[in-house]
Amino acid sequence: MSCAFFSLLFMKIRIEWRAIIYSFLGAIPGVIIGFETVDKILSAPMKKMIFVSVWCSFAMSLYMLNCEKKRITTSLIQNFKPWKIVILIFTGFIGG
C-alpha cells in the first residue's frame, strides 16, 4: 500500500483527502475489533478466501469502471454533507 501511495504522489494523481481521512478514522476501531474478535472466529483458509474475494471484486469493479468510455469524473465529493462522512467512517470500519 505504501508503494501504491507513492505511485499516486509520483504521478500527481488528484486525491480526495477527506475520503481518505474519514475512512482512516473508521478503519482504526475496525482493525482493533477485527483483531480482537473476528480473527479468533475465522480459520486461516477462511481469512485467505475473504481477502482474495474482496480484492477480486475490487479488481473487477475497477476494470468495469475503466472500460466505460467518457464517464463523468469529479475531483471532489459532490454535495459533501455530514451523512457522507458517516458513510465514509462506516465503510472504513468495515474495511478495517
N, C-alpha and C. Protein backbone atom coordinates (compact mmCIF):
# COMPACT_ATOMS: atom_id res chain seq x y z
N MET A 1 0.82 -1.19 0.00
CA MET A 1 0.00 0.00 0.00
C MET A 1 0.86 1.26 0.00
N SER A 2 2.02 1.19 0.63
CA SER A 2 2.90 2.36 0.61
C SER A 2 3.43 2.60 -0.79
N CYS A 3 3.67 1.55 -1.54
CA CYS A 3 4.11 1.70 -2.93
C CYS A 3 2.99 2.30 -3.79
N ALA A 4 1.76 1.89 -3.53
CA ALA A 4 0.63 2.46 -4.27
C ALA A 4 0.48 3.94 -3.94
N PHE A 5 0.65 4.29 -2.67
CA PHE A 5 0.56 5.70 -2.27
C PHE A 5 1.68 6.51 -2.91
N PHE A 6 2.88 5.95 -2.94
CA PHE A 6 3.99 6.63 -3.60
C PHE A 6 3.70 6.84 -5.08
N SER A 7 3.11 5.83 -5.73
CA SER A 7 2.77 5.95 -7.15
C SER A 7 1.76 7.06 -7.38
N LEU A 8 0.77 7.17 -6.50
CA LEU A 8 -0.22 8.25 -6.62
C LEU A 8 0.44 9.62 -6.50
N LEU A 9 1.34 9.75 -5.54
CA LEU A 9 2.01 11.03 -5.36
C LEU A 9 2.98 11.31 -6.51
N PHE A 10 3.71 10.31 -6.95
CA PHE A 10 4.70 10.48 -8.02
C PHE A 10 4.03 10.85 -9.34
N MET A 11 2.88 10.24 -9.62
CA MET A 11 2.17 10.51 -10.86
C MET A 11 1.27 11.75 -10.76
N LYS A 12 1.26 12.37 -9.58
CA LYS A 12 0.47 13.58 -9.31
C LYS A 12 -1.02 13.38 -9.61
N ILE A 13 -1.52 12.24 -9.17
CA ILE A 13 -2.94 11.93 -9.31
C ILE A 13 -3.69 12.65 -8.19
N ARG A 14 -4.77 13.32 -8.55
CA ARG A 14 -5.55 14.06 -7.56
C ARG A 14 -6.21 13.09 -6.60
N ILE A 15 -6.15 13.41 -5.31
CA ILE A 15 -6.69 12.54 -4.27
C ILE A 15 -7.72 13.33 -3.48
N GLU A 16 -8.84 12.69 -3.17
CA GLU A 16 -9.85 13.29 -2.30
C GLU A 16 -9.45 12.97 -0.86
N TRP A 17 -8.78 13.90 -0.23
CA TRP A 17 -8.21 13.68 1.10
C TRP A 17 -9.27 13.48 2.17
N ARG A 18 -10.43 14.11 2.01
CA ARG A 18 -11.49 13.91 3.01
C ARG A 18 -11.93 12.46 3.05
N ALA A 19 -12.02 11.83 1.90
CA ALA A 19 -12.41 10.42 1.85
C ALA A 19 -11.37 9.55 2.55
N ILE A 20 -10.11 9.85 2.35
CA ILE A 20 -9.05 9.06 2.98
C ILE A 20 -9.05 9.27 4.48
N ILE A 21 -9.17 10.51 4.92
CA ILE A 21 -9.10 10.81 6.36
C ILE A 21 -10.27 10.18 7.10
N TYR A 22 -11.50 10.36 6.61
CA TYR A 22 -12.66 9.80 7.30
C TYR A 22 -12.68 8.28 7.24
N SER A 23 -12.25 7.69 6.15
CA SER A 23 -12.17 6.23 6.07
C SER A 23 -11.12 5.71 7.03
N PHE A 24 -10.02 6.42 7.14
CA PHE A 24 -8.96 6.02 8.07
C PHE A 24 -9.45 6.08 9.51
N LEU A 25 -10.21 7.12 9.84
CA LEU A 25 -10.74 7.25 11.20
C LEU A 25 -11.68 6.08 11.53
N GLY A 26 -12.43 5.62 10.56
CA GLY A 26 -13.29 4.46 10.79
C GLY A 26 -12.52 3.16 10.81
N ALA A 27 -11.41 3.11 10.08
CA ALA A 27 -10.63 1.86 9.99
C ALA A 27 -9.88 1.56 11.28
N ILE A 28 -9.53 2.57 12.05
CA ILE A 28 -8.77 2.34 13.29
C ILE A 28 -9.55 1.43 14.24
N PRO A 29 -10.79 1.79 14.64
CA PRO A 29 -11.51 0.85 15.52
C PRO A 29 -11.88 -0.45 14.81
N GLY A 30 -12.08 -0.40 13.49
CA GLY A 30 -12.39 -1.62 12.75
C GLY A 30 -11.26 -2.64 12.82
N VAL A 31 -10.04 -2.16 12.70
CA VAL A 31 -8.88 -3.05 12.78
C VAL A 31 -8.76 -3.63 14.19
N ILE A 32 -8.94 -2.79 15.19
CA ILE A 32 -8.82 -3.26 16.58
C ILE A 32 -9.87 -4.32 16.89
N ILE A 33 -11.12 -4.05 16.53
CA ILE A 33 -12.19 -5.02 16.77
C ILE A 33 -11.97 -6.28 15.94
N GLY A 34 -11.50 -6.10 14.71
CA GLY A 34 -11.23 -7.27 13.86
C GLY A 34 -10.16 -8.17 14.43
N PHE A 35 -9.08 -7.57 14.94
CA PHE A 35 -8.01 -8.37 15.53
C PHE A 35 -8.46 -9.08 16.81
N GLU A 36 -9.32 -8.42 17.58
CA GLU A 36 -9.73 -8.98 18.87
C GLU A 36 -10.86 -10.00 18.76
N THR A 37 -11.76 -9.86 17.78
CA THR A 37 -12.91 -10.75 17.73
C THR A 37 -12.95 -11.61 16.47
N VAL A 38 -12.93 -10.98 15.32
CA VAL A 38 -13.11 -11.72 14.06
C VAL A 38 -11.93 -12.66 13.82
N ASP A 39 -10.75 -12.25 14.20
CA ASP A 39 -9.56 -13.08 13.98
C ASP A 39 -9.66 -14.41 14.72
N LYS A 40 -10.28 -14.40 15.88
CA LYS A 40 -10.41 -15.63 16.66
C LYS A 40 -11.50 -16.55 16.11
N ILE A 41 -12.47 -15.98 15.42
CA ILE A 41 -13.61 -16.77 14.92
C ILE A 41 -13.27 -17.49 13.62
N LEU A 42 -12.55 -16.83 12.72
CA LEU A 42 -12.29 -17.39 11.39
C LEU A 42 -11.00 -18.20 11.36
N SER A 43 -11.01 -19.25 10.57
CA SER A 43 -9.79 -20.04 10.37
C SER A 43 -8.91 -19.36 9.32
N ALA A 44 -7.67 -19.79 9.22
CA ALA A 44 -6.73 -19.20 8.26
C ALA A 44 -7.21 -19.32 6.81
N PRO A 45 -7.69 -20.50 6.37
CA PRO A 45 -8.18 -20.57 4.99
C PRO A 45 -9.38 -19.66 4.72
N MET A 46 -10.26 -19.49 5.71
CA MET A 46 -11.40 -18.60 5.53
C MET A 46 -10.95 -17.15 5.38
N LYS A 47 -9.97 -16.76 6.16
CA LYS A 47 -9.45 -15.39 6.07
C LYS A 47 -8.80 -15.15 4.70
N LYS A 48 -8.09 -16.14 4.20
CA LYS A 48 -7.46 -16.01 2.88
C LYS A 48 -8.51 -15.88 1.79
N MET A 49 -9.58 -16.68 1.88
CA MET A 49 -10.63 -16.62 0.86
C MET A 49 -11.37 -15.28 0.90
N ILE A 50 -11.61 -14.75 2.10
CA ILE A 50 -12.26 -13.44 2.20
C ILE A 50 -11.37 -12.37 1.59
N PHE A 51 -10.07 -12.43 1.89
CA PHE A 51 -9.12 -11.46 1.34
C PHE A 51 -9.11 -11.52 -0.19
N VAL A 52 -9.02 -12.71 -0.74
CA VAL A 52 -8.98 -12.88 -2.19
C VAL A 52 -10.31 -12.42 -2.81
N SER A 53 -11.42 -12.74 -2.18
CA SER A 53 -12.73 -12.35 -2.71
C SER A 53 -12.88 -10.83 -2.74
N VAL A 54 -12.45 -10.16 -1.68
CA VAL A 54 -12.56 -8.70 -1.63
C VAL A 54 -11.70 -8.07 -2.73
N TRP A 55 -10.46 -8.52 -2.86
CA TRP A 55 -9.58 -7.91 -3.88
C TRP A 55 -10.00 -8.27 -5.29
N CYS A 56 -10.56 -9.46 -5.47
CA CYS A 56 -11.05 -9.84 -6.80
C CYS A 56 -12.25 -8.98 -7.20
N SER A 57 -13.16 -8.75 -6.26
CA SER A 57 -14.31 -7.90 -6.57
C SER A 57 -13.87 -6.46 -6.81
N PHE A 58 -12.87 -6.00 -6.06
CA PHE A 58 -12.32 -4.66 -6.28
C PHE A 58 -11.72 -4.56 -7.68
N ALA A 59 -10.95 -5.56 -8.07
CA ALA A 59 -10.31 -5.54 -9.39
C ALA A 59 -11.34 -5.58 -10.51
N MET A 60 -12.38 -6.39 -10.36
CA MET A 60 -13.42 -6.47 -11.40
C MET A 60 -14.19 -5.15 -11.52
N SER A 61 -14.54 -4.55 -10.39
CA SER A 61 -15.28 -3.28 -10.46
C SER A 61 -14.40 -2.17 -11.03
N LEU A 62 -13.13 -2.16 -10.70
CA LEU A 62 -12.22 -1.17 -11.26
C LEU A 62 -12.05 -1.37 -12.76
N TYR A 63 -11.97 -2.61 -13.20
CA TYR A 63 -11.87 -2.90 -14.63
C TYR A 63 -13.12 -2.42 -15.36
N MET A 64 -14.30 -2.71 -14.79
CA MET A 64 -15.55 -2.30 -15.44
C MET A 64 -15.65 -0.77 -15.50
N LEU A 65 -15.22 -0.09 -14.46
CA LEU A 65 -15.24 1.38 -14.49
C LEU A 65 -14.29 1.92 -15.55
N ASN A 66 -13.10 1.35 -15.65
CA ASN A 66 -12.11 1.84 -16.60
C ASN A 66 -12.46 1.51 -18.04
N CYS A 67 -13.30 0.51 -18.26
CA CYS A 67 -13.73 0.18 -19.62
C CYS A 67 -14.81 1.14 -20.13
N GLU A 68 -15.46 1.82 -19.23
CA GLU A 68 -16.52 2.75 -19.62
C GLU A 68 -15.90 4.03 -20.16
N LYS A 69 -16.17 4.30 -21.41
CA LYS A 69 -15.60 5.49 -22.07
C LYS A 69 -16.46 6.72 -21.76
N LYS A 70 -15.79 7.83 -21.63
CA LYS A 70 -16.43 9.13 -21.42
C LYS A 70 -17.34 9.16 -20.21
N ARG A 71 -16.92 8.51 -19.12
CA ARG A 71 -17.72 8.58 -17.90
C ARG A 71 -17.40 9.88 -17.17
N ILE A 72 -18.34 10.35 -16.42
CA ILE A 72 -18.18 11.61 -15.70
C ILE A 72 -17.36 11.35 -14.44
N THR A 73 -16.29 12.10 -14.28
CA THR A 73 -15.47 12.00 -13.08
C THR A 73 -15.37 13.38 -12.43
N THR A 74 -15.20 13.39 -11.13
CA THR A 74 -15.04 14.65 -10.40
C THR A 74 -13.83 14.53 -9.50
N SER A 75 -13.22 15.65 -9.15
CA SER A 75 -12.04 15.62 -8.30
C SER A 75 -12.40 15.73 -6.83
N LEU A 76 -13.64 16.12 -6.53
CA LEU A 76 -14.10 16.23 -5.15
C LEU A 76 -15.42 15.52 -4.99
N ILE A 77 -15.74 15.12 -3.76
CA ILE A 77 -17.04 14.52 -3.48
C ILE A 77 -18.08 15.62 -3.60
N GLN A 78 -19.07 15.39 -4.44
CA GLN A 78 -20.10 16.40 -4.68
C GLN A 78 -21.07 16.45 -3.50
N ASN A 79 -21.53 17.66 -3.17
CA ASN A 79 -22.50 17.88 -2.09
C ASN A 79 -22.08 17.19 -0.80
N PHE A 80 -20.87 17.48 -0.34
CA PHE A 80 -20.31 16.82 0.84
C PHE A 80 -21.09 17.25 2.08
N LYS A 81 -21.85 16.32 2.64
CA LYS A 81 -22.70 16.58 3.79
C LYS A 81 -22.35 15.62 4.92
N PRO A 82 -22.83 15.88 6.14
CA PRO A 82 -22.49 15.01 7.28
C PRO A 82 -22.85 13.54 7.09
N TRP A 83 -23.92 13.22 6.37
CA TRP A 83 -24.27 11.82 6.19
C TRP A 83 -23.24 11.10 5.32
N LYS A 84 -22.56 11.83 4.46
CA LYS A 84 -21.50 11.21 3.66
C LYS A 84 -20.28 10.92 4.52
N ILE A 85 -20.04 11.77 5.53
CA ILE A 85 -18.96 11.50 6.49
C ILE A 85 -19.26 10.19 7.24
N VAL A 86 -20.50 10.02 7.66
CA VAL A 86 -20.89 8.80 8.37
C VAL A 86 -20.68 7.58 7.48
N ILE A 87 -21.03 7.67 6.21
CA ILE A 87 -20.84 6.55 5.29
C ILE A 87 -19.36 6.23 5.12
N LEU A 88 -18.52 7.26 4.99
CA LEU A 88 -17.08 7.04 4.85
C LEU A 88 -16.50 6.38 6.09
N ILE A 89 -16.90 6.84 7.26
CA ILE A 89 -16.40 6.25 8.51
C ILE A 89 -16.87 4.80 8.64
N PHE A 90 -18.13 4.55 8.31
CA PHE A 90 -18.66 3.18 8.37
C PHE A 90 -17.96 2.25 7.39
N THR A 91 -17.73 2.75 6.19
CA THR A 91 -17.01 1.95 5.19
C THR A 91 -15.58 1.65 5.65
N GLY A 92 -14.94 2.64 6.23
CA GLY A 92 -13.60 2.42 6.79
C GLY A 92 -13.62 1.39 7.90
N PHE A 93 -14.66 1.43 8.74
CA PHE A 93 -14.79 0.48 9.84
C PHE A 93 -14.92 -0.95 9.30
N ILE A 94 -15.81 -1.12 8.32
CA ILE A 94 -16.00 -2.46 7.73
C ILE A 94 -14.72 -2.92 7.03
N GLY A 95 -14.05 -2.01 6.33
CA GLY A 95 -12.80 -2.37 5.66
C GLY A 95 -11.68 -2.68 6.63
N GLY A 96 -11.74 -2.06 7.80
CA GLY A 96 -10.71 -2.33 8.82
C GLY A 96 -10.86 -3.71 9.38
